[in-house]
Amino acid sequence: MKKLLLVLAALFMWPAIAFANANDDHMGDWGNMMGGGMFMWIVFLVVIVVAVLVITQGTRWTSSGRAPQETSLDLLKKRYAKGEITREEFERMKEDLKT
């Protein structure tokens, strides 16, 4: 993930540097061919869109990796296994949960 962010940062910086140096002829023929920097604006916007998509997908992947919620029966079984409740209490509570 860090490598991906580094690549995105490099891609983000390239059009920013080109914008800053637009009058220094660092853009080569691209600036003149596309109307004085229009190509660089398009590249800049594409990079922003890709960065947003990658970030949103990254947050979806991490949120889906969470452990599932424990049910009441799971908690009851753990309490019984730890010896916090007796077998009779366990059976009674289990029946209460079913209804």
N, C-alpha and C. Protein backbone atom coordinates (compact mmCIF):
# COMPACT_ATOMS: atom_id res chain seq x y z
N MET A 1 0.82 -1.19 0.00
CA MET A 1 0.00 0.00 0.00
C MET A 1 0.86 1.25 0.00
N LYS A 2 2.01 1.20 0.71
CA LYS A 2 2.89 2.35 0.74
C LYS A 2 3.49 2.62 -0.63
N LYS A 3 3.82 1.56 -1.37
CA LYS A 3 4.36 1.75 -2.71
C LYS A 3 3.33 2.40 -3.62
N LEU A 4 2.08 1.98 -3.47
CA LEU A 4 1.01 2.55 -4.28
C LEU A 4 0.85 4.04 -3.99
N LEU A 5 0.90 4.41 -2.72
CA LEU A 5 0.79 5.82 -2.37
C LEU A 5 1.98 6.62 -2.88
N LEU A 6 3.15 6.02 -2.88
CA LEU A 6 4.33 6.69 -3.41
C LEU A 6 4.19 6.93 -4.91
N VAL A 7 3.70 5.95 -5.63
CA VAL A 7 3.48 6.10 -7.07
C VAL A 7 2.43 7.18 -7.33
N LEU A 8 1.37 7.18 -6.56
CA LEU A 8 0.33 8.20 -6.73
C LEU A 8 0.88 9.59 -6.43
N ALA A 9 1.72 9.69 -5.42
CA ALA A 9 2.32 11.00 -5.11
C ALA A 9 3.20 11.47 -6.26
N ALA A 10 3.95 10.55 -6.85
CA ALA A 10 4.79 10.93 -7.99
C ALA A 10 3.94 11.36 -9.18
N LEU A 11 2.86 10.63 -9.43
CA LEU A 11 1.97 11.00 -10.52
C LEU A 11 1.28 12.32 -10.26
N PHE A 12 1.01 12.61 -9.01
CA PHE A 12 0.38 13.87 -8.66
C PHE A 12 1.35 15.03 -8.83
N MET A 13 2.60 14.79 -8.50
CA MET A 13 3.59 15.87 -8.57
C MET A 13 3.98 16.23 -10.00
N TRP A 14 3.93 15.28 -10.92
CA TRP A 14 4.33 15.56 -12.29
C TRP A 14 3.51 16.66 -12.93
N PRO A 15 2.17 16.60 -12.91
CA PRO A 15 1.43 17.70 -13.50
C PRO A 15 1.56 18.99 -12.70
N ALA A 16 1.75 18.89 -11.38
CA ALA A 16 1.90 20.10 -10.59
C ALA A 16 3.19 20.83 -10.96
N ILE A 17 4.26 20.10 -11.18
CA ILE A 17 5.53 20.71 -11.60
C ILE A 17 5.39 21.29 -13.00
N ALA A 18 4.68 20.57 -13.86
CA ALA A 18 4.48 21.08 -15.21
C ALA A 18 3.65 22.36 -15.20
N PHE A 19 2.65 22.46 -14.34
CA PHE A 19 1.87 23.69 -14.21
C PHE A 19 2.75 24.84 -13.76
N ALA A 20 3.60 24.56 -12.79
CA ALA A 20 4.46 25.62 -12.26
C ALA A 20 5.46 26.11 -13.30
N ASN A 21 5.88 25.25 -14.19
CA ASN A 21 6.89 25.61 -15.19
C ASN A 21 6.30 25.75 -16.58
N ALA A 22 5.03 26.05 -16.69
CA ALA A 22 4.37 26.10 -18.00
C ALA A 22 5.00 27.14 -18.92
N ASN A 23 5.49 28.22 -18.39
CA ASN A 23 6.08 29.27 -19.23
C ASN A 23 7.55 29.03 -19.52
N ASP A 24 8.15 28.03 -18.91
CA ASP A 24 9.58 27.76 -19.10
C ASP A 24 9.84 26.75 -20.19
N ASP A 25 8.83 26.39 -20.95
CA ASP A 25 8.92 25.44 -22.05
C ASP A 25 9.35 24.05 -21.59
N HIS A 26 9.00 23.69 -20.36
CA HIS A 26 9.28 22.33 -19.88
C HIS A 26 8.21 21.35 -20.33
N MET A 27 7.12 21.87 -20.83
CA MET A 27 6.06 20.98 -21.27
C MET A 27 6.31 20.48 -22.68
N GLY A 28 7.28 21.01 -23.35
CA GLY A 28 7.57 20.58 -24.72
C GLY A 28 6.44 20.97 -25.65
N ASP A 29 6.16 20.12 -26.62
CA ASP A 29 5.12 20.42 -27.59
C ASP A 29 3.72 20.17 -27.06
N TRP A 30 3.59 19.45 -25.96
CA TRP A 30 2.26 19.13 -25.45
C TRP A 30 1.48 20.37 -25.07
N GLY A 31 2.15 21.34 -24.45
CA GLY A 31 1.45 22.55 -24.05
C GLY A 31 0.94 23.33 -25.23
N ASN A 32 1.71 23.39 -26.29
CA ASN A 32 1.31 24.14 -27.47
C ASN A 32 0.24 23.39 -28.27
N MET A 33 0.33 22.06 -28.31
CA MET A 33 -0.61 21.29 -29.09
C MET A 33 -2.02 21.29 -28.48
N MET A 34 -2.09 21.36 -27.17
CA MET A 34 -3.40 21.21 -26.51
C MET A 34 -3.92 22.54 -25.96
N GLY A 35 -3.51 23.62 -26.53
CA GLY A 35 -4.07 24.90 -26.12
C GLY A 35 -3.47 25.45 -24.84
N GLY A 36 -2.17 25.44 -24.72
CA GLY A 36 -1.50 26.09 -23.59
C GLY A 36 -1.75 25.43 -22.25
N GLY A 37 -1.66 24.15 -22.16
CA GLY A 37 -1.75 23.47 -20.87
C GLY A 37 -3.04 22.70 -20.66
N MET A 38 -3.90 22.63 -21.63
CA MET A 38 -5.16 21.89 -21.49
C MET A 38 -4.87 20.41 -21.23
N PHE A 39 -3.87 19.88 -21.91
CA PHE A 39 -3.49 18.47 -21.70
C PHE A 39 -3.08 18.24 -20.25
N MET A 40 -2.34 19.16 -19.67
CA MET A 40 -1.88 19.00 -18.30
C MET A 40 -3.06 19.07 -17.32
N TRP A 41 -4.06 19.90 -17.61
CA TRP A 41 -5.25 19.93 -16.76
C TRP A 41 -5.98 18.60 -16.80
N ILE A 42 -6.08 18.02 -17.98
CA ILE A 42 -6.75 16.72 -18.11
C ILE A 42 -5.99 15.65 -17.34
N VAL A 43 -4.68 15.63 -17.48
CA VAL A 43 -3.85 14.65 -16.76
C VAL A 43 -4.01 14.87 -15.25
N PHE A 44 -3.99 16.10 -14.84
CA PHE A 44 -4.13 16.43 -13.43
C PHE A 44 -5.47 15.92 -12.87
N LEU A 45 -6.54 16.13 -13.60
CA LEU A 45 -7.86 15.68 -13.16
C LEU A 45 -7.95 14.16 -13.13
N VAL A 46 -7.36 13.49 -14.11
CA VAL A 46 -7.36 12.02 -14.14
C VAL A 46 -6.61 11.47 -12.93
N VAL A 47 -5.48 12.09 -12.61
CA VAL A 47 -4.71 11.63 -11.45
C VAL A 47 -5.51 11.82 -10.17
N ILE A 48 -6.21 12.92 -10.04
CA ILE A 48 -7.03 13.16 -8.85
C ILE A 48 -8.14 12.11 -8.75
N VAL A 49 -8.81 11.82 -9.85
CA VAL A 49 -9.90 10.84 -9.84
C VAL A 49 -9.37 9.46 -9.46
N VAL A 50 -8.23 9.08 -10.02
CA VAL A 50 -7.65 7.77 -9.70
C VAL A 50 -7.26 7.70 -8.23
N ALA A 51 -6.70 8.78 -7.71
CA ALA A 51 -6.31 8.80 -6.29
C ALA A 51 -7.53 8.65 -5.39
N VAL A 52 -8.60 9.34 -5.72
CA VAL A 52 -9.83 9.23 -4.92
C VAL A 52 -10.39 7.82 -4.97
N LEU A 53 -10.39 7.21 -6.15
CA LEU A 53 -10.89 5.84 -6.29
C LEU A 53 -10.06 4.85 -5.49
N VAL A 54 -8.75 5.01 -5.54
CA VAL A 54 -7.86 4.10 -4.81
C VAL A 54 -8.08 4.25 -3.30
N ILE A 55 -8.22 5.48 -2.84
CA ILE A 55 -8.41 5.71 -1.41
C ILE A 55 -9.75 5.14 -0.96
N THR A 56 -10.81 5.34 -1.74
CA THR A 56 -12.11 4.82 -1.33
C THR A 56 -12.13 3.29 -1.37
N GLN A 57 -11.49 2.69 -2.35
CA GLN A 57 -11.42 1.24 -2.40
C GLN A 57 -10.61 0.71 -1.22
N GLY A 58 -9.56 1.41 -0.86
CA GLY A 58 -8.74 0.99 0.27
C GLY A 58 -9.51 1.00 1.58
N THR A 59 -10.37 1.99 1.77
CA THR A 59 -11.15 2.02 2.99
C THR A 59 -12.23 0.95 2.99
N ARG A 60 -12.75 0.59 1.83
CA ARG A 60 -13.73 -0.50 1.77
C ARG A 60 -13.08 -1.82 2.11
N TRP A 61 -11.86 -2.04 1.62
CA TRP A 61 -11.17 -3.31 1.89
C TRP A 61 -10.87 -3.46 3.38
N THR A 62 -10.46 -2.39 4.02
CA THR A 62 -10.12 -2.52 5.44
C THR A 62 -11.37 -2.68 6.28
N SER A 63 -12.46 -2.02 5.91
CA SER A 63 -13.67 -2.14 6.72
C SER A 63 -14.32 -3.52 6.56
N SER A 64 -14.14 -4.14 5.41
CA SER A 64 -14.73 -5.46 5.22
C SER A 64 -13.90 -6.55 5.89
N GLY A 65 -12.69 -6.24 6.30
CA GLY A 65 -11.82 -7.21 6.94
C GLY A 65 -12.04 -7.35 8.43
N ARG A 66 -13.05 -6.69 8.97
CA ARG A 66 -13.32 -6.76 10.39
C ARG A 66 -13.87 -8.12 10.79
N ALA A 67 -13.65 -8.45 12.04
CA ALA A 67 -14.19 -9.70 12.57
C ALA A 67 -15.71 -9.60 12.69
N PRO A 68 -16.41 -10.69 12.45
CA PRO A 68 -17.87 -10.64 12.57
C PRO A 68 -18.29 -10.42 14.02
N GLN A 69 -19.46 -9.83 14.19
CA GLN A 69 -19.99 -9.58 15.53
C GLN A 69 -20.34 -10.90 16.22
N GLU A 70 -20.05 -10.95 17.50
CA GLU A 70 -20.41 -12.14 18.28
C GLU A 70 -21.90 -12.12 18.60
N THR A 71 -22.50 -13.25 18.52
CA THR A 71 -23.92 -13.36 18.87
C THR A 71 -24.05 -13.55 20.37
N SER A 72 -25.27 -13.43 20.85
CA SER A 72 -25.54 -13.63 22.28
C SER A 72 -25.21 -15.06 22.68
N LEU A 73 -25.50 -16.01 21.80
CA LEU A 73 -25.21 -17.41 22.10
C LEU A 73 -23.70 -17.65 22.20
N ASP A 74 -22.93 -16.98 21.34
CA ASP A 74 -21.48 -17.10 21.43
C ASP A 74 -20.96 -16.60 22.78
N LEU A 75 -21.48 -15.46 23.21
CA LEU A 75 -21.07 -14.91 24.51
C LEU A 75 -21.47 -15.84 25.64
N LEU A 76 -22.65 -16.42 25.53
CA LEU A 76 -23.12 -17.35 26.56
C LEU A 76 -22.22 -18.59 26.62
N LYS A 77 -21.85 -19.10 25.46
CA LYS A 77 -20.96 -20.27 25.42
C LYS A 77 -19.60 -19.95 26.04
N LYS A 78 -19.10 -18.74 25.80
CA LYS A 78 -17.81 -18.35 26.40
C LYS A 78 -17.92 -18.28 27.92
N ARG A 79 -19.01 -17.72 28.40
CA ARG A 79 -19.19 -17.63 29.86
C ARG A 79 -19.25 -19.03 30.48
N TYR A 80 -19.92 -19.95 29.80
CA TYR A 80 -20.02 -21.32 30.30
C TYR A 80 -18.64 -21.99 30.26
N ALA A 81 -17.92 -21.76 29.19
CA ALA A 81 -16.59 -22.37 29.06
C ALA A 81 -15.63 -21.84 30.12
N LYS A 82 -15.77 -20.58 30.50
CA LYS A 82 -14.91 -20.01 31.53
C LYS A 82 -15.31 -20.44 32.94
N GLY A 83 -16.49 -21.02 33.06
CA GLY A 83 -16.96 -21.45 34.37
C GLY A 83 -17.70 -20.36 35.13
N GLU A 84 -18.08 -19.30 34.45
CA GLU A 84 -18.79 -18.20 35.10
C GLU A 84 -20.24 -18.59 35.44
N ILE A 85 -20.80 -19.51 34.67
CA ILE A 85 -22.18 -19.95 34.92
C ILE A 85 -22.21 -21.48 34.95
N THR A 86 -23.22 -22.02 35.61
CA THR A 86 -23.36 -23.48 35.70
C THR A 86 -24.08 -23.99 34.46
N ARG A 87 -24.13 -25.33 34.34
CA ARG A 87 -24.81 -25.94 33.19
C ARG A 87 -26.29 -25.60 33.18
N GLU A 88 -26.91 -25.61 34.37
CA GLU A 88 -28.34 -25.29 34.45
C GLU A 88 -28.60 -23.85 34.01
N GLU A 89 -27.75 -22.93 34.45
CA GLU A 89 -27.91 -21.53 34.04
C GLU A 89 -27.71 -21.38 32.53
N PHE A 90 -26.72 -22.11 32.02
CA PHE A 90 -26.45 -22.06 30.58
C PHE A 90 -27.67 -22.52 29.79
N GLU A 91 -28.23 -23.67 30.18
CA GLU A 91 -29.38 -24.22 29.46
C GLU A 91 -30.59 -23.29 29.55
N ARG A 92 -30.80 -22.72 30.73
CA ARG A 92 -31.94 -21.81 30.91
C ARG A 92 -31.76 -20.55 30.05
N MET A 93 -30.57 -19.99 30.07
CA MET A 93 -30.30 -18.77 29.28
C MET A 93 -30.37 -19.05 27.78
N LYS A 94 -29.91 -20.25 27.39
CA LYS A 94 -29.97 -20.63 25.98
C LYS A 94 -31.42 -20.72 25.52
N GLU A 95 -32.26 -21.29 26.34
CA GLU A 95 -33.69 -21.38 26.01
C GLU A 95 -34.33 -19.99 25.94
N ASP A 96 -33.91 -19.10 26.85
CA ASP A 96 -34.42 -17.73 26.82
C ASP A 96 -34.04 -17.02 25.51
N LEU A 97 -32.85 -17.30 25.04
CA LEU A 97 -32.38 -16.66 23.80
C LEU A 97 -33.14 -17.17 22.58
N LYS A 98 -33.56 -18.42 22.61
CA LYS A 98 -34.27 -18.99 21.46
C LYS A 98 -35.65 -18.38 21.29
N THR A 99 -36.27 -17.95 22.38
CA THR A 99 -37.63 -17.40 22.29
C THR A 99 -37.63 -15.92 22.10
